Amino acid sequence: MNRRGAASPFAARPGAADAWVRTHDAHTATAPAYTARLTVDVTPALRGRIKITAFERGITVAEMLRTLLELEFGEAADGAGAAP
């Protein structure tokens, strides 16, 4: 039988919900908006190497790949190395 006791910290509501919502909004307002998703098929071995490298650098895989793509194909890129 379930017994209601002290509130569990799991899924606990924030004490000041308005402040919590504003904090979340402030975070998303400063984050860049990515509006397109890109799917690339890679081998499991390559995926593992990518994940390990991102972990060692202390960043997410998405952050690391966005940086790599921006270096190669960003507006500042002069086209060097870009294959047609």
PDB file of N, CA and C in Angstrom:
ATOM      1  N   MET A   1       0.834  -1.166   0.000  1.00  0.00           N
ATOM      2  CA  MET A   1       0.000   0.000   0.000  1.00  0.00           C
ATOM      3  C   MET A   1       0.889   1.243   0.000  1.00  0.00           C
ATOM      4  N   ASN A   2       0.507   2.231  -0.757  1.00  0.00           N
ATOM      5  CA  ASN A   2       1.277   3.473  -0.812  1.00  0.00           C
ATOM      6  C   ASN A   2       0.977   4.347   0.396  1.00  0.00           C
ATOM      7  N   ARG A   3       2.001   4.936   0.924  1.00  0.00           N
ATOM      8  CA  ARG A   3       1.846   5.804   2.074  1.00  0.00           C
ATOM      9  C   ARG A   3       2.384   7.181   1.727  1.00  0.00           C
ATOM     10  N   ARG A   4       1.630   8.187   1.988  1.00  0.00           N
ATOM     11  CA  ARG A   4       2.094   9.549   1.731  1.00  0.00           C
ATOM     12  C   ARG A   4       2.872  10.025   2.940  1.00  0.00           C
ATOM     13  N   GLY A   5       4.117  10.342   2.696  1.00  0.00           N
ATOM     14  CA  GLY A   5       4.954  10.824   3.784  1.00  0.00           C
ATOM     15  C   GLY A   5       5.565  12.147   3.375  1.00  0.00           C
ATOM     16  N   ALA A   6       6.805  12.330   3.730  1.00  0.00           N
ATOM     17  CA  ALA A   6       7.524  13.557   3.368  1.00  0.00           C
ATOM     18  C   ALA A   6       7.628  13.633   1.852  1.00  0.00           C
ATOM     19  N   ALA A   7       7.598  14.837   1.349  1.00  0.00           N
ATOM     20  CA  ALA A   7       7.670  15.040  -0.103  1.00  0.00           C
ATOM     21  C   ALA A   7       8.988  14.500  -0.642  1.00  0.00           C
ATOM     22  N   SER A   8       8.913  13.776  -1.693  1.00  0.00           N
ATOM     23  CA  SER A   8      10.086  13.223  -2.342  1.00  0.00           C
ATOM     24  C   SER A   8      10.757  14.296  -3.186  1.00  0.00           C
ATOM     25  N   PRO A   9      12.100  14.346  -3.223  1.00  0.00           N
ATOM     26  CA  PRO A   9      12.766  15.342  -4.058  1.00  0.00           C
ATOM     27  C   PRO A   9      12.599  15.034  -5.548  1.00  0.00           C
ATOM     28  N   PHE A  10      12.227  13.812  -5.861  1.00  0.00           N
ATOM     29  CA  PHE A  10      12.016  13.452  -7.255  1.00  0.00           C
ATOM     30  C   PHE A  10      10.766  14.147  -7.770  1.00  0.00           C
ATOM     31  N   ALA A  11      10.893  14.851  -8.855  1.00  0.00           N
ATOM     32  CA  ALA A  11       9.786  15.557  -9.492  1.00  0.00           C
ATOM     33  C   ALA A  11       9.146  16.582  -8.570  1.00  0.00           C
ATOM     34  N   ALA A  12       9.950  17.137  -7.690  1.00  0.00           N
ATOM     35  CA  ALA A  12       9.427  18.158  -6.788  1.00  0.00           C
ATOM     36  C   ALA A  12       9.220  19.457  -7.553  1.00  0.00           C
ATOM     37  N   ARG A  13       8.189  20.161  -7.209  1.00  0.00           N
ATOM     38  CA  ARG A  13       7.919  21.444  -7.846  1.00  0.00           C
ATOM     39  C   ARG A  13       8.877  22.487  -7.294  1.00  0.00           C
ATOM     40  N   PRO A  14       9.298  23.412  -8.141  1.00  0.00           N
ATOM     41  CA  PRO A  14      10.178  24.467  -7.635  1.00  0.00           C
ATOM     42  C   PRO A  14       9.431  25.339  -6.635  1.00  0.00           C
ATOM     43  N   GLY A  15      10.155  25.859  -5.652  1.00  0.00           N
ATOM     44  CA  GLY A  15       9.527  26.685  -4.629  1.00  0.00           C
ATOM     45  C   GLY A  15       8.921  27.956  -5.206  1.00  0.00           C
ATOM     46  N   ALA A  16       9.660  28.647  -6.043  1.00  0.00           N
ATOM     47  CA  ALA A  16       9.187  29.887  -6.654  1.00  0.00           C
ATOM     48  C   ALA A  16       9.051  29.644  -8.155  1.00  0.00           C
ATOM     49  N   ALA A  17       7.904  29.193  -8.569  1.00  0.00           N
ATOM     50  CA  ALA A  17       7.707  28.788  -9.962  1.00  0.00           C
ATOM     51  C   ALA A  17       7.936  29.938 -10.938  1.00  0.00           C
ATOM     52  N   ASP A  18       7.485  31.145 -10.596  1.00  0.00           N
ATOM     53  CA  ASP A  18       7.669  32.281 -11.501  1.00  0.00           C
ATOM     54  C   ASP A  18       9.148  32.562 -11.739  1.00  0.00           C
ATOM     55  N   ALA A  19       9.940  32.536 -10.691  1.00  0.00           N
ATOM     56  CA  ALA A  19      11.375  32.774 -10.828  1.00  0.00           C
ATOM     57  C   ALA A  19      12.021  31.662 -11.650  1.00  0.00           C
ATOM     58  N   TRP A  20      11.581  30.441 -11.439  1.00  0.00           N
ATOM     59  CA  TRP A  20      12.130  29.309 -12.178  1.00  0.00           C
ATOM     60  C   TRP A  20      11.844  29.453 -13.671  1.00  0.00           C
ATOM     61  N   VAL A  21      10.627  29.859 -14.023  1.00  0.00           N
ATOM     62  CA  VAL A  21      10.257  30.037 -15.427  1.00  0.00           C
ATOM     63  C   VAL A  21      11.077  31.164 -16.042  1.00  0.00           C
ATOM     64  N   ARG A  22      11.226  32.281 -15.323  1.00  0.00           N
ATOM     65  CA  ARG A  22      12.007  33.401 -15.849  1.00  0.00           C
ATOM     66  C   ARG A  22      13.465  33.010 -16.051  1.00  0.00           C
ATOM     67  N   THR A  23      14.020  32.205 -15.167  1.00  0.00           N
ATOM     68  CA  THR A  23      15.399  31.739 -15.322  1.00  0.00           C
ATOM     69  C   THR A  23      15.528  30.919 -16.590  1.00  0.00           C
ATOM     70  N   HIS A  24      14.576  30.043 -16.828  1.00  0.00           N
ATOM     71  CA  HIS A  24      14.603  29.218 -18.037  1.00  0.00           C
ATOM     72  C   HIS A  24      14.482  30.098 -19.284  1.00  0.00           C
ATOM     73  N   ASP A  25      13.576  31.075 -19.256  1.00  0.00           N
ATOM     74  CA  ASP A  25      13.406  31.973 -20.400  1.00  0.00           C
ATOM     75  C   ASP A  25      14.671  32.772 -20.667  1.00  0.00           C
ATOM     76  N   ALA A  26      15.349  33.219 -19.628  1.00  0.00           N
ATOM     77  CA  ALA A  26      16.582  33.986 -19.804  1.00  0.00           C
ATOM     78  C   ALA A  26      17.651  33.125 -20.450  1.00  0.00           C
ATOM     79  N   HIS A  27      17.715  31.846 -20.071  1.00  0.00           N
ATOM     80  CA  HIS A  27      18.697  30.940 -20.657  1.00  0.00           C
ATOM     81  C   HIS A  27      18.417  30.704 -22.137  1.00  0.00           C
ATOM     82  N   THR A  28      17.179  30.458 -22.489  1.00  0.00           N
ATOM     83  CA  THR A  28      16.853  30.179 -23.885  1.00  0.00           C
ATOM     84  C   THR A  28      16.948  31.433 -24.742  1.00  0.00           C
ATOM     85  N   ALA A  29      16.787  32.613 -24.143  1.00  0.00           N
ATOM     86  CA  ALA A  29      16.893  33.855 -24.917  1.00  0.00           C
ATOM     87  C   ALA A  29      18.327  34.109 -25.343  1.00  0.00           C
ATOM     88  N   THR A  30      19.302  33.647 -24.562  1.00  0.00           N
ATOM     89  CA  THR A  30      20.697  33.872 -24.909  1.00  0.00           C
ATOM     90  C   THR A  30      21.268  32.754 -25.772  1.00  0.00           C
ATOM     91  N   ALA A  31      20.611  31.616 -25.803  1.00  0.00           N
ATOM     92  CA  ALA A  31      21.097  30.498 -26.598  1.00  0.00           C
ATOM     93  C   ALA A  31      20.760  30.726 -28.073  1.00  0.00           C
ATOM     94  N   PRO A  32      21.707  30.397 -28.962  1.00  0.00           N
ATOM     95  CA  PRO A  32      21.411  30.559 -30.382  1.00  0.00           C
ATOM     96  C   PRO A  32      20.298  29.612 -30.827  1.00  0.00           C
ATOM     97  N   ALA A  33      19.499  30.059 -31.755  1.00  0.00           N
ATOM     98  CA  ALA A  33      18.384  29.247 -32.241  1.00  0.00           C
ATOM     99  C   ALA A  33      18.846  28.426 -33.441  1.00  0.00           C
ATOM    100  N   TYR A  34      18.765  27.118 -33.308  1.00  0.00           N
ATOM    101  CA  TYR A  34      19.076  26.230 -34.411  1.00  0.00           C
ATOM    102  C   TYR A  34      17.753  25.721 -34.944  1.00  0.00           C
ATOM    103  N   THR A  35      17.474  26.004 -36.199  1.00  0.00           N
ATOM    104  CA  THR A  35      16.162  25.699 -36.730  1.00  0.00           C
ATOM    105  C   THR A  35      16.153  24.553 -37.726  1.00  0.00           C
ATOM    106  N   ALA A  36      17.295  23.964 -38.011  1.00  0.00           N
ATOM    107  CA  ALA A  36      17.328  22.857 -38.961  1.00  0.00           C
ATOM    108  C   ALA A  36      18.054  21.677 -38.327  1.00  0.00           C
ATOM    109  N   ARG A  37      17.561  20.497 -38.594  1.00  0.00           N
ATOM    110  CA  ARG A  37      18.182  19.281 -38.079  1.00  0.00           C
ATOM    111  C   ARG A  37      18.864  18.579 -39.244  1.00  0.00           C
ATOM    112  N   LEU A  38      20.051  18.080 -38.986  1.00  0.00           N
ATOM    113  CA  LEU A  38      20.843  17.390 -40.000  1.00  0.00           C
ATOM    114  C   LEU A  38      21.104  15.974 -39.507  1.00  0.00           C
ATOM    115  N   THR A  39      20.775  15.002 -40.324  1.00  0.00           N
ATOM    116  CA  THR A  39      20.994  13.611 -39.957  1.00  0.00           C
ATOM    117  C   THR A  39      22.086  13.038 -40.847  1.00  0.00           C
ATOM    118  N   VAL A  40      23.086  12.444 -40.212  1.00  0.00           N
ATOM    119  CA  VAL A  40      24.211  11.861 -40.938  1.00  0.00           C
ATOM    120  C   VAL A  40      24.410  10.445 -40.426  1.00  0.00           C
ATOM    121  N   ASP A  41      24.508   9.496 -41.333  1.00  0.00           N
ATOM    122  CA  ASP A  41      24.768   8.113 -40.945  1.00  0.00           C
ATOM    123  C   ASP A  41      26.271   7.897 -40.836  1.00  0.00           C
ATOM    124  N   VAL A  42      26.704   7.405 -39.688  1.00  0.00           N
ATOM    125  CA  VAL A  42      28.109   7.087 -39.471  1.00  0.00           C
ATOM    126  C   VAL A  42      28.193   5.684 -38.886  1.00  0.00           C
ATOM    127  N   THR A  43      29.371   5.114 -38.955  1.00  0.00           N
ATOM    128  CA  THR A  43      29.555   3.778 -38.386  1.00  0.00           C
ATOM    129  C   THR A  43      29.527   3.873 -36.860  1.00  0.00           C
ATOM    130  N   PRO A  44      29.187   2.789 -36.202  1.00  0.00           N
ATOM    131  CA  PRO A  44      29.220   2.801 -34.740  1.00  0.00           C
ATOM    132  C   PRO A  44      30.604   3.161 -34.183  1.00  0.00           C
ATOM    133  N   ALA A  45      31.655   2.725 -34.859  1.00  0.00           N
ATOM    134  CA  ALA A  45      33.017   3.036 -34.392  1.00  0.00           C
ATOM    135  C   ALA A  45      33.294   4.536 -34.473  1.00  0.00           C
ATOM    136  N   LEU A  46      32.890   5.165 -35.581  1.00  0.00           N
ATOM    137  CA  LEU A  46      33.091   6.610 -35.722  1.00  0.00           C
ATOM    138  C   LEU A  46      32.258   7.369 -34.706  1.00  0.00           C
ATOM    139  N   ARG A  47      31.025   6.941 -34.506  1.00  0.00           N
ATOM    140  CA  ARG A  47      30.160   7.583 -33.514  1.00  0.00           C
ATOM    141  C   ARG A  47      30.802   7.522 -32.132  1.00  0.00           C
ATOM    142  N   GLY A  48      31.377   6.386 -31.804  1.00  0.00           N
ATOM    143  CA  GLY A  48      32.058   6.236 -30.520  1.00  0.00           C
ATOM    144  C   GLY A  48      33.240   7.177 -30.387  1.00  0.00           C
ATOM    145  N   ARG A  49      34.044   7.296 -31.443  1.00  0.00           N
ATOM    146  CA  ARG A  49      35.202   8.202 -31.399  1.00  0.00           C
ATOM    147  C   ARG A  49      34.759   9.650 -31.255  1.00  0.00           C
ATOM    148  N   ILE A  50      33.678  10.019 -31.942  1.00  0.00           N
ATOM    149  CA  ILE A  50      33.153  11.385 -31.849  1.00  0.00           C
ATOM    150  C   ILE A  50      32.695  11.663 -30.419  1.00  0.00           C
ATOM    151  N   LYS A  51      31.953  10.741 -29.833  1.00  0.00           N
ATOM    152  CA  LYS A  51      31.444  10.931 -28.475  1.00  0.00           C
ATOM    153  C   LYS A  51      32.577  11.027 -27.459  1.00  0.00           C
ATOM    154  N   ILE A  52      33.592  10.190 -27.605  1.00  0.00           N
ATOM    155  CA  ILE A  52      34.732  10.224 -26.682  1.00  0.00           C
ATOM    156  C   ILE A  52      35.476  11.548 -26.800  1.00  0.00           C
ATOM    157  N   THR A  53      35.694  12.013 -28.021  1.00  0.00           N
ATOM    158  CA  THR A  53      36.393  13.284 -28.230  1.00  0.00           C
ATOM    159  C   THR A  53      35.614  14.438 -27.617  1.00  0.00           C
ATOM    160  N   ALA A  54      34.315  14.471 -27.825  1.00  0.00           N
ATOM    161  CA  ALA A  54      33.491  15.534 -27.248  1.00  0.00           C
ATOM    162  C   ALA A  54      33.554  15.484 -25.724  1.00  0.00           C
ATOM    163  N   PHE A  55      33.479  14.298 -25.154  1.00  0.00           N
ATOM    164  CA  PHE A  55      33.555  14.148 -23.704  1.00  0.00           C
ATOM    165  C   PHE A  55      34.892  14.647 -23.177  1.00  0.00           C
ATOM    166  N   GLU A  56      35.986  14.279 -23.853  1.00  0.00           N
ATOM    167  CA  GLU A  56      37.312  14.710 -23.422  1.00  0.00           C
ATOM    168  C   GLU A  56      37.459  16.229 -23.494  1.00  0.00           C
ATOM    169  N   ARG A  57      36.776  16.858 -24.443  1.00  0.00           N
ATOM    170  CA  ARG A  57      36.834  18.312 -24.580  1.00  0.00           C
ATOM    171  C   ARG A  57      35.850  19.024 -23.659  1.00  0.00           C
ATOM    172  N   GLY A  58      34.992  18.264 -23.023  1.00  0.00           N
ATOM    173  CA  GLY A  58      34.038  18.841 -22.084  1.00  0.00           C
ATOM    174  C   GLY A  58      32.882  19.569 -22.757  1.00  0.00           C
ATOM    175  N   ILE A  59      32.540  19.147 -23.960  1.00  0.00           N
ATOM    176  CA  ILE A  59      31.428  19.751 -24.686  1.00  0.00           C
ATOM    177  C   ILE A  59      30.516  18.656 -25.210  1.00  0.00           C
ATOM    178  N   THR A  60      29.364  19.057 -25.717  1.00  0.00           N
ATOM    179  CA  THR A  60      28.454  18.066 -26.284  1.00  0.00           C
ATOM    180  C   THR A  60      28.877  17.747 -27.717  1.00  0.00           C
ATOM    181  N   VAL A  61      28.413  16.624 -28.198  1.00  0.00           N
ATOM    182  CA  VAL A  61      28.682  16.243 -29.585  1.00  0.00           C
ATOM    183  C   VAL A  61      28.119  17.306 -30.528  1.00  0.00           C
ATOM    184  N   ALA A  62      26.918  17.789 -30.232  1.00  0.00           N
ATOM    185  CA  ALA A  62      26.292  18.804 -31.091  1.00  0.00           C
ATOM    186  C   ALA A  62      27.140  20.071 -31.154  1.00  0.00           C
ATOM    187  N   GLU A  63      27.633  20.528 -29.996  1.00  0.00           N
ATOM    188  CA  GLU A  63      28.475  21.731 -29.983  1.00  0.00           C
ATOM    189  C   GLU A  63      29.736  21.521 -30.813  1.00  0.00           C
ATOM    190  N   MET A  64      30.362  20.372 -30.643  1.00  0.00           N
ATOM    191  CA  MET A  64      31.598  20.090 -31.359  1.00  0.00           C
ATOM    192  C   MET A  64      31.355  20.042 -32.864  1.00  0.00           C
ATOM    193  N   LEU A  65      30.291  19.362 -33.283  1.00  0.00           N
ATOM    194  CA  LEU A  65      30.027  19.248 -34.716  1.00  0.00           C
ATOM    195  C   LEU A  65      29.585  20.572 -35.318  1.00  0.00           C
ATOM    196  N   ARG A  66      28.827  21.389 -34.573  1.00  0.00           N
ATOM    197  CA  ARG A  66      28.458  22.717 -35.077  1.00  0.00           C
ATOM    198  C   ARG A  66      29.699  23.559 -35.326  1.00  0.00           C
ATOM    199  N   THR A  67      30.657  23.486 -34.402  1.00  0.00           N
ATOM    200  CA  THR A  67      31.902  24.243 -34.561  1.00  0.00           C
ATOM    201  C   THR A  67      32.669  23.771 -35.788  1.00  0.00           C
ATOM    202  N   LEU A  68      32.770  22.463 -35.949  1.00  0.00           N
ATOM    203  CA  LEU A  68      33.477  21.921 -37.119  1.00  0.00           C
ATOM    204  C   LEU A  68      32.795  22.333 -38.422  1.00  0.00           C
ATOM    205  N   LEU A  69      31.477  22.249 -38.460  1.00  0.00           N
ATOM    206  CA  LEU A  69      30.746  22.633 -39.673  1.00  0.00           C
ATOM    207  C   LEU A  69      30.866  24.129 -39.942  1.00  0.00           C
ATOM    208  N   GLU A  70      30.844  24.935 -38.893  1.00  0.00           N
ATOM    209  CA  GLU A  70      30.991  26.382 -39.062  1.00  0.00           C
ATOM    210  C   GLU A  70      32.378  26.724 -39.597  1.00  0.00           C
ATOM    211  N   LEU A  71      33.409  26.036 -39.118  1.00  0.00           N
ATOM    212  CA  LEU A  71      34.762  26.279 -39.615  1.00  0.00           C
ATOM    213  C   LEU A  71      34.873  25.953 -41.104  1.00  0.00           C
ATOM    214  N   GLU A  72      34.244  24.891 -41.508  1.00  0.00           N
ATOM    215  CA  GLU A  72      34.336  24.447 -42.903  1.00  0.00           C
ATOM    216  C   GLU A  72      33.381  25.186 -43.828  1.00  0.00           C
ATOM    217  N   PHE A  73      32.169  25.466 -43.367  1.00  0.00           N
ATOM    218  CA  PHE A  73      31.134  25.973 -44.259  1.00  0.00           C
ATOM    219  C   PHE A  73      30.524  27.298 -43.804  1.00  0.00           C
ATOM    220  N   GLY A  74      31.054  27.893 -42.756  1.00  0.00           N
ATOM    221  CA  GLY A  74      30.489  29.132 -42.251  1.00  0.00           C
ATOM    222  C   GLY A  74      30.643  30.286 -43.215  1.00  0.00           C
ATOM    223  N   GLU A  75      29.991  31.400 -42.886  1.00  0.00           N
ATOM    224  CA  GLU A  75      30.040  32.586 -43.742  1.00  0.00           C
ATOM    225  C   GLU A  75      31.444  33.123 -43.894  1.00  0.00           C
ATOM    226  N   ALA A  76      32.285  32.946 -42.865  1.00  0.00           N
ATOM    227  CA  ALA A  76      33.648  33.437 -42.922  1.00  0.00           C
ATOM    228  C   ALA A  76      34.573  32.530 -43.723  1.00  0.00           C
ATOM    229  N   ALA A  77      34.111  31.314 -44.031  1.00  0.00           N
ATOM    230  CA  ALA A  77      34.926  30.377 -44.801  1.00  0.00           C
ATOM    231  C   ALA A  77      35.134  30.912 -46.198  1.00  0.00           C
ATOM    232  N   ASP A  78      36.368  30.777 -46.691  1.00  0.00           N
ATOM    233  CA  ASP A  78      36.681  31.285 -48.029  1.00  0.00           C
ATOM    234  C   ASP A  78      36.485  30.244 -49.119  1.00  0.00           C
ATOM    235  N   GLY A  79      35.954  29.109 -48.744  1.00  0.00           N
ATOM    236  CA  GLY A  79      35.712  28.061 -49.738  1.00  0.00           C
ATOM    237  C   GLY A  79      36.859  27.071 -49.838  1.00  0.00           C
ATOM    238  N   ALA A  80      37.966  27.363 -49.159  1.00  0.00           N
ATOM    239  CA  ALA A  80      39.113  26.460 -49.216  1.00  0.00           C
ATOM    240  C   ALA A  80      38.731  25.150 -48.542  1.00  0.00           C
ATOM    241  N   GLY A  81      38.972  24.069 -49.210  1.00  0.00           N
ATOM    242  CA  GLY A  81      38.711  22.758 -48.650  1.00  0.00           C
ATOM    243  C   GLY A  81      37.290  22.279 -48.864  1.00  0.00           C
ATOM    244  N   ALA A  82      36.407  23.147 -49.274  1.00  0.00           N
ATOM    245  CA  ALA A  82      35.021  22.740 -49.497  1.00  0.00           C
ATOM    246  C   ALA A  82      34.907  22.092 -50.873  1.00  0.00           C
ATOM    247  N   ALA A  83      34.482  20.858 -50.877  1.00  0.00           N
ATOM    248  CA  ALA A  83      34.320  20.132 -52.141  1.00  0.00           C
ATOM    249  C   ALA A  83      32.969  20.441 -52.726  1.00  0.00           C
ATOM    250  N   PRO A  84      32.870  20.527 -54.047  1.00  0.00           N
ATOM    251  CA  PRO A  84      31.568  20.793 -54.673  1.00  0.00           C
ATOM    252  C   PRO A  84      30.600  19.661 -54.502  1.00  0.00           C
TER     253      PRO A  84
END
